[in-house]
């Protein structure tokens, strides 16, 4: 059985606006619950290399596949938005009876976390961001993302296959940390589930949303009432060291950990380094 199959078999489902949503839940530690928010175009499986260690530390760990991603439903006629994905995460927390929680987010999930932070829910204890477009001016979109966001997006989505995915996806990893062919196949299976690329042109609207709501989402960082940390793969061409430098410019008392030689997916490329930096963030009593 593959890692992806094991991940799927261990999951559960709940209903969101008439659609089936896949999620994983675990945890056996003492710390308050942790919500994991994945990126584009993958899903909660992104966390599989850090899952066991996180579950040993936190009392509950929750990760869902957002609508349009992974093993969740991918409706063609749906108004995908960051606000809706934030609503979805708040819904799963209510479903599971979780009020106080920490957040660890990545990529597209960073923007969802910024929206949650902007709402200032009482139960949000801290937010840690992995590589993501926290500032639209530093987000260096890949060619495939720009095409997906253009009128040619639906045509490109129809042409997408494992070979083209593997070529474009590998480019965002560090030089020495690229996935193996077998790992890349699993990621393609996750992306291609239920004709996933067909909804990419709708999901990619998040890039325009980042520009439209920049003031709200950057202000959420600048005025955050809870502790923040950025753990960033420095060699990421999309949101690497250049994004971290902008974070240091704009956010008061910036807490940034750079991982040299690591690309856009630090939780897959350097899981131990991510865990060490994340746990260090949570060792201070104020985080707990």
Protein backbone atom coordinates (compact mmCIF):
# COMPACT_ATOMS: atom_id res chain seq x y z
CA UNK A 1 0.00 0.00 0.00
CA UNK A 2 1.38 3.44 -0.93
CA UNK A 3 1.75 6.34 1.49
CA UNK A 4 -1.10 8.09 -0.31
CA UNK A 5 -3.37 5.05 0.05
CA UNK A 6 -2.62 4.82 3.77
CA UNK A 7 -3.34 8.50 4.17
CA UNK A 8 -6.69 8.17 2.42
CA UNK A 9 -7.70 5.06 4.34
CA UNK A 10 -7.08 6.83 7.65
CA UNK A 11 -9.33 9.76 6.72
CA UNK A 12 -12.92 10.66 7.45
CA UNK A 13 -15.52 12.85 5.78
CA UNK A 14 -18.02 15.53 6.61
CA UNK A 15 -20.44 17.56 4.49
CA UNK A 16 -19.87 21.19 3.55
CA UNK A 17 -22.58 22.99 1.59
CA UNK A 18 -23.73 19.70 0.14
CA UNK A 19 -20.24 18.49 -0.77
CA UNK A 20 -18.09 15.73 0.73
CA UNK A 21 -14.92 16.94 2.43
CA UNK A 22 -12.02 14.64 3.33
CA UNK A 23 -10.09 15.20 6.56
CA UNK A 24 -7.61 13.57 8.90
CA UNK A 25 -7.62 13.81 12.68
CA UNK A 26 -5.08 12.61 15.21
CA UNK A 27 -3.27 13.73 18.31
CA UNK A 28 -2.11 12.33 21.62
CA UNK A 29 -0.01 15.12 23.13
CA UNK A 30 -0.68 17.81 25.72
CA UNK A 31 -0.62 21.01 23.65
CA UNK A 32 -3.86 22.62 22.43
CA UNK A 33 -5.18 21.47 19.03
CA UNK A 34 -3.38 22.26 15.79
CA UNK A 35 -5.07 23.06 12.47
CA UNK A 36 -3.02 22.33 9.34
CA UNK A 37 -3.91 24.24 6.14
CA UNK A 38 -2.44 22.95 2.86
CA UNK A 39 -1.47 24.68 -0.38
CA UNK A 40 -2.22 24.71 -4.10
CA UNK A 41 -2.48 22.42 -6.03
CA UNK A 42 -2.01 19.55 -3.59
CA UNK A 43 -3.87 18.70 -0.35
CA UNK A 44 -3.58 17.53 3.26
CA UNK A 45 -1.25 14.71 2.18
CA UNK A 46 1.43 17.43 2.09
CA UNK A 47 1.65 16.99 5.88
CA UNK A 48 2.28 13.23 5.90
CA UNK A 49 6.00 13.50 6.70
CA UNK A 50 5.42 15.62 9.79
CA UNK A 51 2.08 14.14 10.88
CA UNK A 52 3.26 11.60 13.44
CA UNK A 53 5.54 14.07 15.24
CA UNK A 54 2.84 16.72 15.32
CA UNK A 55 0.28 14.21 16.60
CA UNK A 56 2.66 13.24 19.40
CA UNK A 57 2.96 16.88 20.49
CA UNK A 58 -0.58 18.24 20.14
CA UNK A 59 -3.76 16.94 21.73
CA UNK A 60 -5.52 17.05 18.36
CA UNK A 61 -4.22 17.61 14.84
CA UNK A 62 -6.70 18.32 12.07
CA UNK A 63 -6.03 18.59 8.33
CA UNK A 64 -8.66 18.67 5.61
CA UNK A 65 -8.57 18.70 1.83
CA UNK A 66 -10.15 22.02 0.95
CA UNK A 67 -13.04 21.94 -1.47
CA UNK A 68 -11.62 21.57 -4.98
CA UNK A 69 -8.53 19.73 -3.73
CA UNK A 70 -7.32 16.18 -3.08
CA UNK A 71 -9.94 13.68 -1.99
CA UNK A 72 -12.65 16.29 -1.36
CA UNK A 73 -15.34 17.08 -3.90
CA UNK A 74 -14.33 19.30 -6.82
CA UNK A 75 -17.54 20.82 -8.14
CA UNK A 76 -17.27 22.57 -11.50
CA UNK A 77 -19.99 25.07 -10.64
CA UNK A 78 -18.78 26.55 -7.38
CA UNK A 79 -17.75 30.01 -6.23
CA UNK A 80 -14.26 29.18 -4.97
CA UNK A 81 -12.76 31.84 -2.73
CA UNK A 82 -10.34 32.27 0.16
CA UNK A 83 -13.19 33.44 2.40
CA UNK A 84 -15.15 30.27 1.62
CA UNK A 85 -12.13 28.09 2.44
CA UNK A 86 -11.74 29.98 5.73
CA UNK A 87 -15.43 29.32 6.45
CA UNK A 88 -14.81 25.65 5.71
CA UNK A 89 -11.98 25.45 8.26
CA UNK A 90 -14.07 27.16 10.90
CA UNK A 91 -16.85 24.68 10.13
CA UNK A 92 -14.63 21.62 10.69
CA UNK A 93 -13.46 23.09 14.00
CA UNK A 94 -17.09 23.49 15.08
CA UNK A 95 -17.89 19.99 13.83
CA UNK A 96 -15.11 18.58 16.01
CA UNK A 97 -15.87 20.77 19.01
CA UNK A 98 -12.54 22.61 18.90
CA UNK A 99 -12.46 26.19 20.13
CA UNK A 100 -8.82 27.02 21.02
CA UNK A 101 -6.21 26.05 18.44
CA UNK A 102 -2.91 26.85 16.72
CA UNK A 103 -2.44 27.03 12.93
CA UNK A 104 0.35 25.76 10.67
CA UNK A 105 -0.22 26.76 7.03
CA UNK A 106 1.48 26.54 3.65
CA UNK A 107 1.18 28.34 0.29
CA UNK A 108 -2.53 28.90 -0.60
CA UNK A 109 -3.19 27.88 2.99
CA UNK A 110 -1.16 30.90 4.16
CA UNK A 111 -3.75 33.16 2.56
CA UNK A 112 -6.58 31.21 4.21
CA UNK A 113 -4.74 31.61 7.51
CA UNK A 114 -4.39 35.36 6.90
CA UNK A 115 -8.16 35.56 6.41
CA UNK A 116 -8.70 33.63 9.64
CA UNK A 117 -6.28 35.97 11.39
CA UNK A 118 -8.13 39.00 10.00
CA UNK A 119 -11.34 37.69 11.56
CA UNK A 120 -9.58 37.58 14.94
CA UNK A 121 -11.45 34.58 16.37
CA UNK A 122 -11.05 34.27 20.13
CA UNK A 123 -9.77 30.71 19.89
CA UNK A 124 -6.83 31.37 17.57
CA UNK A 125 -3.63 30.99 19.62
CA UNK A 126 -0.81 31.33 17.07
CA UNK A 127 -0.06 31.06 13.35
CA UNK A 128 3.04 29.64 11.68
CA UNK A 129 3.47 30.13 7.93
CA UNK A 130 5.50 27.99 5.55
CA UNK A 131 6.35 29.26 2.06
CA UNK A 132 3.46 31.24 0.61
CA UNK A 133 2.39 34.47 -1.06
CA UNK A 134 1.86 36.59 2.03
CA UNK A 135 2.41 39.71 -0.10
CA UNK A 136 1.16 39.83 -3.70
CA UNK A 137 4.09 42.05 -4.70
CA UNK A 138 6.59 39.31 -3.81
CA UNK A 139 4.64 36.35 -5.22
CA UNK A 140 6.53 35.20 -8.32
CA UNK A 141 3.87 33.14 -10.07
CA UNK A 142 5.08 30.30 -12.28
CA UNK A 143 4.28 30.37 -16.00
CA UNK A 144 1.67 27.64 -15.60
CA UNK A 145 -0.08 29.64 -12.87
CA UNK A 146 -0.19 32.74 -15.05
CA UNK A 147 -1.67 30.78 -17.94
CA UNK A 148 -4.25 29.11 -15.69
CA UNK A 149 -5.32 32.57 -14.52
CA UNK A 150 -5.71 33.77 -18.13
CA UNK A 151 -8.51 33.07 -20.64
CA UNK A 152 -6.37 30.12 -21.81
CA UNK A 153 -6.68 28.48 -18.39
CA UNK A 154 -9.43 25.95 -19.24
CA UNK A 155 -7.54 24.79 -22.35
CA UNK A 156 -4.32 24.32 -20.38
CA UNK A 157 -6.18 22.40 -17.68
CA UNK A 158 -7.53 19.96 -20.27
CA UNK A 159 -4.01 19.34 -21.60
CA UNK A 160 -2.40 18.78 -18.21
CA UNK A 161 -0.97 15.31 -17.62
CA UNK A 162 1.47 13.62 -15.28
CA UNK A 163 4.49 14.46 -17.40
CA UNK A 164 3.74 18.18 -17.62
CA UNK A 165 2.84 18.27 -13.93
CA UNK A 166 6.08 16.57 -12.95
CA UNK A 167 8.15 19.01 -15.00
CA UNK A 168 6.55 22.20 -13.66
CA UNK A 169 6.15 20.97 -10.08
CA UNK A 170 9.75 19.81 -9.66
CA UNK A 171 10.97 23.31 -10.51
CA UNK A 172 9.76 24.76 -7.18
CA UNK A 173 11.78 22.31 -5.06
CA UNK A 174 15.36 22.77 -3.93
CA UNK A 175 18.13 21.51 -6.21
CA UNK A 176 18.89 18.52 -3.96
CA UNK A 177 15.43 17.93 -2.47
CA UNK A 178 13.24 17.14 -5.47
CA UNK A 179 10.68 14.33 -5.10
CA UNK A 180 11.49 10.92 -6.52
CA UNK A 181 9.51 9.69 -9.53
CA UNK A 182 7.41 7.52 -7.21
CA UNK A 183 6.67 10.45 -4.89
CA UNK A 184 5.80 12.65 -7.82
CA UNK A 185 3.41 9.98 -9.09
CA UNK A 186 1.59 10.01 -5.76
CA UNK A 187 1.30 13.80 -5.87
CA UNK A 188 -0.07 13.62 -9.42
CA UNK A 189 -2.64 11.02 -8.32
CA UNK A 190 -3.73 13.41 -5.58
CA UNK A 191 -4.02 16.35 -7.96
CA UNK A 192 -5.72 14.34 -10.72
CA UNK A 193 -8.31 12.74 -8.40
CA UNK A 194 -11.81 13.37 -9.73
CA UNK A 195 -10.45 15.37 -12.70
CA UNK A 196 -8.89 17.93 -10.38
CA UNK A 197 -7.16 20.06 -13.04
CA UNK A 198 -10.58 21.00 -14.45
CA UNK A 199 -11.17 23.32 -11.48
CA UNK A 200 -7.66 24.82 -11.44
CA UNK A 201 -8.72 27.89 -13.47
CA UNK A 202 -11.30 28.66 -10.79
CA UNK A 203 -9.04 27.91 -7.84
CA UNK A 204 -6.24 30.05 -9.25
CA UNK A 205 -8.44 33.08 -8.64
CA UNK A 206 -6.68 33.31 -5.30
CA UNK A 207 -3.85 35.24 -7.00
CA UNK A 208 -6.22 38.05 -7.94
CA UNK A 209 -7.85 37.89 -4.50
CA UNK A 210 -4.45 38.47 -2.88
CA UNK A 211 -4.23 41.78 -4.76
CA UNK A 212 -7.83 42.77 -4.07
CA UNK A 213 -7.65 42.06 -0.35
CA UNK A 214 -4.00 42.94 0.18
CA UNK A 215 -4.73 45.64 2.76
CA UNK A 216 -6.91 43.32 4.83
CA UNK A 217 -4.54 40.36 4.74
CA UNK A 218 -1.29 42.27 5.22
CA UNK A 219 -2.87 44.29 8.02
CA UNK A 220 -3.75 40.97 9.68
CA UNK A 221 0.00 40.25 9.88
CA UNK A 222 1.04 43.73 10.95
CA UNK A 223 -1.58 43.95 13.70
CA UNK A 224 -1.71 40.29 14.70
CA UNK A 225 -2.92 39.76 18.27
CA UNK A 226 -1.26 36.33 18.39
CA UNK A 227 2.35 35.13 17.90
CA UNK A 228 3.49 34.56 14.31
CA UNK A 229 6.45 32.75 12.78
CA UNK A 230 7.56 32.23 9.18
CA UNK A 231 9.54 29.09 8.29
CA UNK A 232 10.70 29.60 4.73
CA UNK A 233 12.56 27.47 2.21
CA UNK A 234 15.05 30.09 1.03
CA UNK A 235 15.55 28.64 -2.48
CA UNK A 236 11.88 28.67 -3.40
CA UNK A 237 11.54 30.63 -6.69
CA UNK A 238 7.92 31.51 -5.88
CA UNK A 239 8.03 32.74 -2.28
CA UNK A 240 11.49 32.10 -0.91
CA UNK A 241 14.07 34.43 0.65
CA UNK A 242 12.67 37.44 -1.24
CA UNK A 243 9.28 36.96 0.46
CA UNK A 244 10.94 36.57 3.87
CA UNK A 245 12.82 39.83 3.30
CA UNK A 246 9.54 41.64 2.61
CA UNK A 247 8.04 40.09 5.75
CA UNK A 248 10.92 41.53 7.78
CA UNK A 249 10.29 44.95 6.24
CA UNK A 250 6.58 45.10 7.01
CA UNK A 251 5.85 43.02 10.10
CA UNK A 252 6.84 44.32 13.54
CA UNK A 253 9.27 42.10 15.48
CA UNK A 254 9.46 39.58 12.61
CA UNK A 255 10.13 35.97 13.58
CA UNK A 256 11.62 34.30 10.51
CA UNK A 257 13.49 31.02 10.09
CA UNK A 258 15.18 30.54 6.71
CA UNK A 259 16.03 27.03 5.49
CA UNK A 260 18.96 27.22 3.02
CA UNK A 261 18.79 24.90 0.01
CA UNK A 262 15.08 24.20 0.54
CA UNK A 263 12.37 25.09 -1.94
CA UNK A 264 8.64 25.68 -1.86
CA UNK A 265 7.60 22.53 0.07
CA UNK A 266 9.76 22.54 3.24
CA UNK A 267 7.47 20.06 5.04
CA UNK A 268 8.26 17.53 2.29
CA UNK A 269 11.85 18.54 1.58
CA UNK A 270 13.14 19.08 5.13
CA UNK A 271 10.55 17.73 7.58
CA UNK A 272 12.97 17.54 10.52
CA UNK A 273 14.09 21.14 10.09
CA UNK A 274 10.46 22.29 9.87
CA UNK A 275 9.53 20.35 13.00
CA UNK A 276 12.51 21.70 14.94
CA UNK A 277 11.67 25.30 14.01
CA UNK A 278 7.97 24.80 14.65
CA UNK A 279 8.44 23.14 18.02
CA UNK A 280 10.92 25.85 19.07
CA UNK A 281 8.19 28.39 18.27
CA UNK A 282 5.86 26.51 20.60
CA UNK A 283 8.28 26.08 23.47
CA UNK A 284 7.53 29.53 24.84
CA UNK A 285 4.71 29.46 27.44
CA UNK A 286 2.79 32.23 25.64
CA UNK A 287 2.23 29.88 22.67
CA UNK A 288 0.53 27.23 24.78
